[in-house]
């Protein structure tokens, strides 16, 4: 069974990606811009988000 924290983190991420997909129809590609920033700067919030999403996975 999936952890509640992990489940809600996945739902929130999916919701944000859906919103980004809707807004990226315009002239500025939001999703790829944020992806590039994550790859270049490796922010701590992204590491925490990934850790939360995979909280229920065993080693």
N, C-alpha and C. Protein backbone atom coordinates (compact mmCIF):
# COMPACT_ATOMS: atom_id res chain seq x y z
N UNK A 1 0.84 -1.19 0.00
CA UNK A 1 0.00 0.00 0.00
C UNK A 1 0.89 1.25 0.00
N UNK A 2 0.42 2.28 -0.67
CA UNK A 2 1.18 3.50 -0.82
C UNK A 2 1.05 4.37 0.43
N UNK A 3 2.14 5.00 0.81
CA UNK A 3 2.17 5.92 1.93
C UNK A 3 1.31 7.14 1.60
N UNK A 4 0.59 7.68 2.61
CA UNK A 4 -0.29 8.84 2.36
C UNK A 4 0.49 10.07 1.92
N UNK A 5 1.64 10.29 2.53
CA UNK A 5 2.46 11.46 2.18
C UNK A 5 2.93 11.34 0.74
N UNK A 6 3.39 10.17 0.37
CA UNK A 6 3.84 9.93 -1.00
C UNK A 6 2.70 10.09 -2.00
N UNK A 7 1.53 9.56 -1.64
CA UNK A 7 0.37 9.65 -2.51
C UNK A 7 0.00 11.11 -2.78
N UNK A 8 -0.07 11.94 -1.74
CA UNK A 8 -0.46 13.34 -1.93
C UNK A 8 0.61 14.12 -2.67
N UNK A 9 1.88 13.77 -2.46
CA UNK A 9 2.94 14.43 -3.22
C UNK A 9 2.81 14.11 -4.70
N UNK A 10 2.47 12.86 -5.03
CA UNK A 10 2.28 12.48 -6.43
C UNK A 10 1.09 13.20 -7.04
N UNK A 11 0.00 13.32 -6.29
CA UNK A 11 -1.19 14.02 -6.79
C UNK A 11 -0.87 15.49 -7.04
N UNK A 12 -0.15 16.12 -6.12
CA UNK A 12 0.21 17.53 -6.29
C UNK A 12 1.11 17.73 -7.51
N UNK A 13 2.09 16.84 -7.68
CA UNK A 13 2.99 16.95 -8.84
C UNK A 13 2.24 16.77 -10.15
N UNK A 14 1.34 15.80 -10.18
CA UNK A 14 0.55 15.57 -11.39
C UNK A 14 -0.31 16.80 -11.70
N UNK A 15 -0.90 17.39 -10.66
CA UNK A 15 -1.74 18.58 -10.85
C UNK A 15 -0.92 19.75 -11.40
N UNK A 16 0.26 19.94 -10.86
CA UNK A 16 1.12 21.04 -11.32
C UNK A 16 1.55 20.81 -12.77
N UNK A 17 1.90 19.57 -13.12
CA UNK A 17 2.28 19.28 -14.50
C UNK A 17 1.11 19.49 -15.47
N UNK A 18 -0.09 19.17 -15.05
CA UNK A 18 -1.27 19.40 -15.90
C UNK A 18 -1.46 20.90 -16.13
N UNK A 19 -1.31 21.69 -15.06
CA UNK A 19 -1.42 23.15 -15.20
C UNK A 19 -0.32 23.68 -16.12
N UNK A 20 0.90 23.17 -15.95
CA UNK A 20 2.00 23.60 -16.83
C UNK A 20 1.72 23.23 -18.28
N UNK A 21 1.15 22.07 -18.51
CA UNK A 21 0.83 21.66 -19.88
C UNK A 21 -0.20 22.59 -20.49
N UNK A 22 -1.16 23.03 -19.71
CA UNK A 22 -2.18 23.95 -20.22
C UNK A 22 -1.56 25.31 -20.55
N UNK A 23 -0.70 25.82 -19.65
CA UNK A 23 -0.09 27.13 -19.87
C UNK A 23 1.01 27.11 -20.92
N UNK A 24 1.59 25.95 -21.19
CA UNK A 24 2.68 25.92 -22.16
C UNK A 24 2.19 26.00 -23.60
N UNK A 25 0.89 26.10 -23.80
CA UNK A 25 0.34 26.28 -25.13
C UNK A 25 0.72 27.65 -25.67
N UNK A 26 0.96 28.59 -24.76
CA UNK A 26 1.36 29.94 -25.16
C UNK A 26 2.77 29.99 -25.70
N UNK A 27 3.28 31.18 -25.90
CA UNK A 27 4.60 31.34 -26.55
C UNK A 27 5.79 30.97 -25.66
N UNK A 28 5.62 30.85 -24.33
CA UNK A 28 6.73 30.55 -23.43
C UNK A 28 6.60 29.12 -22.91
N UNK A 29 7.54 28.24 -23.20
CA UNK A 29 7.48 26.86 -22.71
C UNK A 29 7.86 26.79 -21.22
N UNK A 30 6.86 26.73 -20.35
CA UNK A 30 7.09 26.77 -18.91
C UNK A 30 7.73 25.48 -18.41
N UNK A 31 7.22 24.33 -18.81
CA UNK A 31 7.71 23.06 -18.29
C UNK A 31 9.18 22.84 -18.62
N UNK A 32 9.56 23.07 -19.85
CA UNK A 32 10.97 22.86 -20.22
C UNK A 32 11.88 23.89 -19.57
N UNK A 33 11.40 25.10 -19.34
CA UNK A 33 12.19 26.12 -18.67
C UNK A 33 12.45 25.72 -17.22
N UNK A 34 11.43 25.25 -16.52
CA UNK A 34 11.61 24.80 -15.14
C UNK A 34 12.50 23.56 -15.10
N UNK A 35 12.34 22.66 -16.05
CA UNK A 35 13.21 21.49 -16.12
C UNK A 35 14.67 21.88 -16.31
N UNK A 36 14.93 22.84 -17.15
CA UNK A 36 16.30 23.32 -17.37
C UNK A 36 16.86 23.94 -16.10
N UNK A 37 16.06 24.73 -15.39
CA UNK A 37 16.52 25.33 -14.14
C UNK A 37 16.83 24.26 -13.09
N UNK A 38 16.02 23.21 -13.04
CA UNK A 38 16.27 22.12 -12.09
C UNK A 38 17.57 21.40 -12.43
N UNK A 39 17.81 21.17 -13.70
CA UNK A 39 19.04 20.48 -14.11
C UNK A 39 20.27 21.34 -13.83
N UNK A 40 20.20 22.62 -14.07
CA UNK A 40 21.36 23.49 -13.90
C UNK A 40 21.65 23.79 -12.43
N UNK A 41 20.62 24.17 -11.67
CA UNK A 41 20.84 24.65 -10.30
C UNK A 41 20.62 23.60 -9.22
N UNK A 42 19.98 22.48 -9.54
CA UNK A 42 19.68 21.40 -8.59
C UNK A 42 19.17 21.93 -7.25
N UNK A 43 17.99 22.55 -7.24
CA UNK A 43 17.49 23.15 -6.00
C UNK A 43 17.12 22.08 -4.96
N UNK A 44 17.21 22.45 -3.69
CA UNK A 44 16.94 21.53 -2.60
C UNK A 44 15.46 21.12 -2.57
N UNK A 45 14.56 22.00 -3.02
CA UNK A 45 13.15 21.64 -3.00
C UNK A 45 12.86 20.48 -3.95
N UNK A 46 13.63 20.36 -5.02
CA UNK A 46 13.42 19.25 -5.94
C UNK A 46 13.88 17.94 -5.32
N UNK A 47 15.00 17.96 -4.62
CA UNK A 47 15.48 16.75 -3.93
C UNK A 47 14.49 16.31 -2.86
N UNK A 48 13.95 17.27 -2.11
CA UNK A 48 12.95 16.93 -1.08
C UNK A 48 11.68 16.37 -1.72
N UNK A 49 11.28 16.92 -2.86
CA UNK A 49 10.10 16.44 -3.56
C UNK A 49 10.29 15.00 -4.03
N UNK A 50 11.44 14.72 -4.62
CA UNK A 50 11.72 13.36 -5.08
C UNK A 50 11.77 12.39 -3.90
N UNK A 51 12.40 12.81 -2.80
CA UNK A 51 12.43 11.96 -1.61
C UNK A 51 11.03 11.68 -1.07
N UNK A 52 10.16 12.68 -1.10
CA UNK A 52 8.79 12.50 -0.63
C UNK A 52 8.00 11.58 -1.55
N UNK A 53 8.17 11.73 -2.84
CA UNK A 53 7.44 10.89 -3.79
C UNK A 53 7.84 9.43 -3.63
N UNK A 54 9.13 9.16 -3.45
CA UNK A 54 9.61 7.78 -3.35
C UNK A 54 9.78 7.33 -1.89
N UNK A 55 9.03 7.93 -0.99
CA UNK A 55 9.11 7.61 0.43
C UNK A 55 8.72 6.17 0.72
N UNK A 56 7.78 5.64 -0.04
CA UNK A 56 7.27 4.29 0.23
C UNK A 56 8.07 3.20 -0.48
N UNK A 57 9.10 3.55 -1.22
CA UNK A 57 9.91 2.56 -1.92
C UNK A 57 10.96 1.98 -0.97
N UNK A 58 11.20 0.68 -1.08
CA UNK A 58 12.24 0.03 -0.28
C UNK A 58 13.53 0.01 -1.07
N UNK A 59 14.65 -0.07 -0.35
CA UNK A 59 15.96 -0.11 -1.02
C UNK A 59 16.18 -1.40 -1.72
